[in-house]
């Protein structure tokens, strides 16, 4: 399965970005598949940001982003989104989508004035 991310870029502190991750595969029910967003800042380990459990319908967030980020799914498009609001410089990282035991290629998010 191939995961393709998009939507990263440069934004000022307090701004917003929306990331997208689309899975290209067949023979599965996307709505039942757990999908996650991770991020990795320079010099730091990759960390989980948000997890969507799929059919159970639960989404959980890490403490640093809870209340600012929202993960959603469009199962008809095999796509998950990460809406990021009130961005801070410490949110700067490469953001990765994960699902189907695969990783996306990553998309850079830079928060800077």
Protein backbone atom coordinates (compact mmCIF):
# COMPACT_ATOMS: atom_id res chain seq x y z
CA UNK A 1 0.00 0.00 0.00
CA UNK A 2 1.29 3.44 -0.88
CA UNK A 3 0.54 6.43 1.34
CA UNK A 4 0.93 9.88 -0.20
CA UNK A 5 0.92 13.00 1.95
CA UNK A 6 0.38 16.59 0.96
CA UNK A 7 -0.32 19.99 2.48
CA UNK A 8 2.84 20.92 4.33
CA UNK A 9 4.52 24.29 4.08
CA UNK A 10 5.66 27.41 5.88
CA UNK A 11 3.23 29.18 8.20
CA UNK A 12 3.50 31.90 10.81
CA UNK A 13 2.90 31.17 14.50
CA UNK A 14 -0.82 31.08 15.20
CA UNK A 15 -1.61 30.01 11.66
CA UNK A 16 -3.22 26.87 10.29
CA UNK A 17 -2.42 24.09 7.84
CA UNK A 18 -4.26 20.99 6.71
CA UNK A 19 -2.36 17.85 5.81
CA UNK A 20 -3.83 15.03 3.72
CA UNK A 21 -2.80 11.39 3.33
CA UNK A 22 -4.29 9.19 0.63
CA UNK A 23 -3.91 5.42 0.52
CA UNK A 24 -3.65 3.79 -2.89
CA UNK A 25 -4.72 0.19 -2.53
CA UNK A 26 -7.64 -2.09 -3.23
CA UNK A 27 -9.36 -5.01 -1.61
CA UNK A 28 -9.84 -3.48 1.78
CA UNK A 29 -12.36 -1.44 3.72
CA UNK A 30 -10.56 1.79 4.49
CA UNK A 31 -13.01 2.76 7.21
CA UNK A 32 -11.90 -0.23 9.28
CA UNK A 33 -8.19 0.52 9.07
CA UNK A 34 -6.40 2.34 11.88
CA UNK A 35 -4.50 5.37 10.60
CA UNK A 36 -2.06 7.62 12.42
CA UNK A 37 -0.11 10.81 12.08
CA UNK A 38 3.44 11.06 13.42
CA UNK A 39 6.03 13.81 13.34
CA UNK A 40 9.79 14.04 13.65
CA UNK A 41 11.58 17.25 14.52
CA UNK A 42 15.31 17.71 13.79
CA UNK A 43 17.40 15.79 16.28
CA UNK A 44 14.38 14.18 17.92
CA UNK A 45 12.67 10.81 17.75
CA UNK A 46 9.54 10.29 15.72
CA UNK A 47 6.47 10.76 17.90
CA UNK A 48 2.79 10.00 17.48
CA UNK A 49 0.49 12.98 16.99
CA UNK A 50 -2.95 11.45 16.41
CA UNK A 51 -4.50 8.02 15.97
CA UNK A 52 -7.81 7.12 14.35
CA UNK A 53 -8.93 3.62 15.19
CA UNK A 54 -11.16 3.19 12.16
CA UNK A 55 -14.28 1.16 12.73
CA UNK A 56 -14.30 1.81 16.47
CA UNK A 57 -14.57 5.50 15.71
CA UNK A 58 -12.12 6.78 18.29
CA UNK A 59 -9.46 9.41 17.66
CA UNK A 60 -6.80 10.21 20.22
CA UNK A 61 -4.23 12.98 20.33
CA UNK A 62 -0.90 13.51 21.99
CA UNK A 63 -0.82 16.08 24.78
CA UNK A 64 1.17 18.75 22.88
CA UNK A 65 -1.45 18.96 20.11
CA UNK A 66 -4.68 18.12 21.94
CA UNK A 67 -7.21 20.88 21.41
CA UNK A 68 -5.31 22.39 18.45
CA UNK A 69 -5.14 19.52 15.94
CA UNK A 70 -8.05 17.54 14.52
CA UNK A 71 -7.75 14.29 12.61
CA UNK A 72 -10.56 13.31 10.27
CA UNK A 73 -11.27 10.73 7.59
CA UNK A 74 -12.97 10.66 4.23
CA UNK A 75 -13.40 6.94 3.77
CA UNK A 76 -14.87 7.33 0.28
CA UNK A 77 -11.57 8.90 -0.80
CA UNK A 78 -9.29 6.62 1.27
CA UNK A 79 -7.93 9.79 2.83
CA UNK A 80 -7.17 11.05 6.31
CA UNK A 81 -6.59 14.68 7.20
CA UNK A 82 -4.82 16.54 9.96
CA UNK A 83 -6.16 20.03 10.56
CA UNK A 84 -3.57 21.97 12.52
CA UNK A 85 -4.60 25.26 14.16
CA UNK A 86 -2.82 27.68 16.48
CA UNK A 87 0.50 26.41 15.22
CA UNK A 88 3.61 27.00 17.30
CA UNK A 89 7.29 26.97 16.34
CA UNK A 90 7.68 23.72 18.28
CA UNK A 91 5.26 22.09 15.83
CA UNK A 92 7.96 22.37 13.17
CA UNK A 93 8.71 18.84 11.95
CA UNK A 94 8.32 16.38 9.12
CA UNK A 95 4.84 14.88 9.43
CA UNK A 96 4.24 11.27 8.44
CA UNK A 97 1.11 9.28 7.80
CA UNK A 98 1.02 5.65 8.90
CA UNK A 99 -1.36 2.82 8.10
CA UNK A 100 -1.43 -0.66 6.55
CA UNK A 101 2.01 -1.16 8.18
CA UNK A 102 3.35 1.47 5.80
CA UNK A 103 4.71 5.00 6.09
CA UNK A 104 4.12 7.94 3.84
CA UNK A 105 7.08 9.88 2.47
CA UNK A 106 6.58 12.75 4.91
CA UNK A 107 5.71 16.40 4.43
CA UNK A 108 7.59 19.32 5.98
CA UNK A 109 5.76 21.73 8.27
CA UNK A 110 7.67 24.83 9.31
CA UNK A 111 6.21 27.33 11.77
CA UNK A 112 8.22 30.52 11.78
CA UNK A 113 7.80 34.27 11.60
